[in-house]
């Protein structure tokens, strides 16, 4: 669990970020969880924009946090920031296969 000082530091860093993942009206899907997971591997701190209102947003934030093992460090309006400690493997830049599988999944979804 993160301390409030750590959360505050991550919120401050997140202010300059643009949302990297968008949760549409369809809600949290397995593909969306994969996309957030890849983004967290790459950056560690990711902003997510939600299409739904505040009441649904809190449920979706909790679902994304538990699905990816990340912490929701804060949110304003329909945007929330997630942080996950980067693993040693990802610091070495070995997430290429994860990126390729996500790209293949996007292509498969487009075909339908």
Protein backbone atom coordinates (compact mmCIF):
# COMPACT_ATOMS: atom_id res chain seq x y z
CA UNK A 1 0.00 0.00 0.00
CA UNK A 2 1.20 3.46 -0.89
CA UNK A 3 1.58 6.27 1.60
CA UNK A 4 -0.32 9.51 1.09
CA UNK A 5 2.96 11.31 0.34
CA UNK A 6 3.76 8.82 -2.43
CA UNK A 7 0.27 9.19 -3.89
CA UNK A 8 0.63 12.98 -3.82
CA UNK A 9 3.96 12.75 -5.66
CA UNK A 10 2.41 10.52 -8.35
CA UNK A 11 -0.61 12.84 -8.68
CA UNK A 12 1.75 15.77 -9.19
CA UNK A 13 3.64 13.88 -11.92
CA UNK A 14 0.34 12.85 -13.55
CA UNK A 15 -0.81 16.46 -14.02
CA UNK A 16 1.40 16.83 -17.09
CA UNK A 17 0.29 13.54 -18.68
CA UNK A 18 -2.39 13.12 -21.32
CA UNK A 19 -4.81 10.20 -21.01
CA UNK A 20 -3.26 7.11 -22.59
CA UNK A 21 -6.30 4.84 -22.23
CA UNK A 22 -9.97 5.62 -22.80
CA UNK A 23 -12.78 3.64 -21.18
CA UNK A 24 -15.82 3.93 -23.40
CA UNK A 25 -19.48 3.35 -22.67
CA UNK A 26 -18.84 -0.39 -23.05
CA UNK A 27 -16.99 -0.30 -19.74
CA UNK A 28 -14.00 -2.36 -18.68
CA UNK A 29 -13.24 -5.16 -21.14
CA UNK A 30 -10.40 -7.72 -21.22
CA UNK A 31 -8.82 -5.84 -24.15
CA UNK A 32 -8.95 -2.58 -22.20
CA UNK A 33 -7.30 -4.26 -19.19
CA UNK A 34 -4.53 -5.55 -21.51
CA UNK A 35 -4.05 -2.07 -22.96
CA UNK A 36 -3.74 -0.51 -19.51
CA UNK A 37 -1.38 -3.29 -18.42
CA UNK A 38 0.93 -2.60 -21.37
CA UNK A 39 0.80 1.15 -20.72
CA UNK A 40 1.65 0.58 -17.03
CA UNK A 41 4.58 -1.66 -18.00
CA UNK A 42 5.87 1.01 -20.31
CA UNK A 43 5.39 4.08 -18.12
CA UNK A 44 4.41 3.04 -14.59
CA UNK A 45 2.07 6.05 -14.31
CA UNK A 46 -0.91 6.25 -16.67
CA UNK A 47 -3.92 8.53 -17.01
CA UNK A 48 -7.26 6.99 -17.98
CA UNK A 49 -10.29 8.88 -19.30
CA UNK A 50 -13.77 7.50 -18.59
CA UNK A 51 -16.93 8.10 -20.64
CA UNK A 52 -19.34 7.33 -17.81
CA UNK A 53 -20.29 9.55 -14.88
CA UNK A 54 -18.76 9.69 -11.41
CA UNK A 55 -20.89 6.92 -9.87
CA UNK A 56 -19.88 4.32 -12.49
CA UNK A 57 -16.34 5.70 -12.69
CA UNK A 58 -15.49 4.67 -9.11
CA UNK A 59 -16.58 1.09 -9.77
CA UNK A 60 -14.59 0.98 -13.03
CA UNK A 61 -11.51 2.47 -11.30
CA UNK A 62 -11.65 -0.25 -8.67
CA UNK A 63 -12.09 -2.93 -11.34
CA UNK A 64 -9.10 -1.65 -13.36
CA UNK A 65 -6.91 -1.36 -10.26
CA UNK A 66 -7.62 -4.92 -9.13
CA UNK A 67 -7.30 -6.34 -12.67
CA UNK A 68 -3.89 -4.77 -13.28
CA UNK A 69 -2.42 -4.72 -9.78
CA UNK A 70 -2.13 -0.94 -9.94
CA UNK A 71 -3.09 1.76 -7.45
CA UNK A 72 -5.52 4.51 -8.35
CA UNK A 73 -3.59 7.55 -7.12
CA UNK A 74 -6.27 10.13 -7.81
CA UNK A 75 -8.77 11.54 -10.20
CA UNK A 76 -10.44 14.73 -11.30
CA UNK A 77 -13.73 14.71 -13.17
CA UNK A 78 -13.75 11.77 -15.56
CA UNK A 79 -9.98 11.21 -15.52
CA UNK A 80 -8.09 8.99 -13.08
CA UNK A 81 -4.39 8.19 -12.70
CA UNK A 82 -3.01 4.72 -12.04
CA UNK A 83 0.44 3.79 -10.80
CA UNK A 84 2.19 0.44 -10.67
CA UNK A 85 5.80 -0.09 -9.67
CA UNK A 86 7.71 -1.05 -12.84
CA UNK A 87 9.19 -4.54 -12.65
CA UNK A 88 12.85 -5.20 -13.34
CA UNK A 89 11.91 -7.04 -16.56
CA UNK A 90 10.12 -3.97 -17.92
CA UNK A 91 12.96 -1.61 -17.08
CA UNK A 92 15.11 -3.72 -19.40
CA UNK A 93 12.64 -3.04 -22.21
CA UNK A 94 11.42 -6.60 -22.75
CA UNK A 95 7.74 -5.73 -23.12
CA UNK A 96 7.96 -5.95 -26.93
CA UNK A 97 6.07 -9.24 -27.01
CA UNK A 98 3.27 -7.77 -24.90
CA UNK A 99 3.04 -4.84 -27.32
CA UNK A 100 2.88 -7.20 -30.29
CA UNK A 101 0.15 -9.34 -28.73
CA UNK A 102 -1.89 -6.22 -27.96
CA UNK A 103 -1.47 -5.03 -31.56
CA UNK A 104 -2.61 -8.44 -32.85
CA UNK A 105 -5.63 -8.31 -30.53
CA UNK A 106 -6.55 -4.84 -31.85
CA UNK A 107 -6.34 -6.13 -35.42
CA UNK A 108 -8.52 -9.12 -34.54
CA UNK A 109 -11.15 -6.82 -33.00
CA UNK A 110 -11.11 -4.50 -36.05
CA UNK A 111 -11.83 -7.41 -38.39
CA UNK A 112 -15.08 -8.30 -36.62
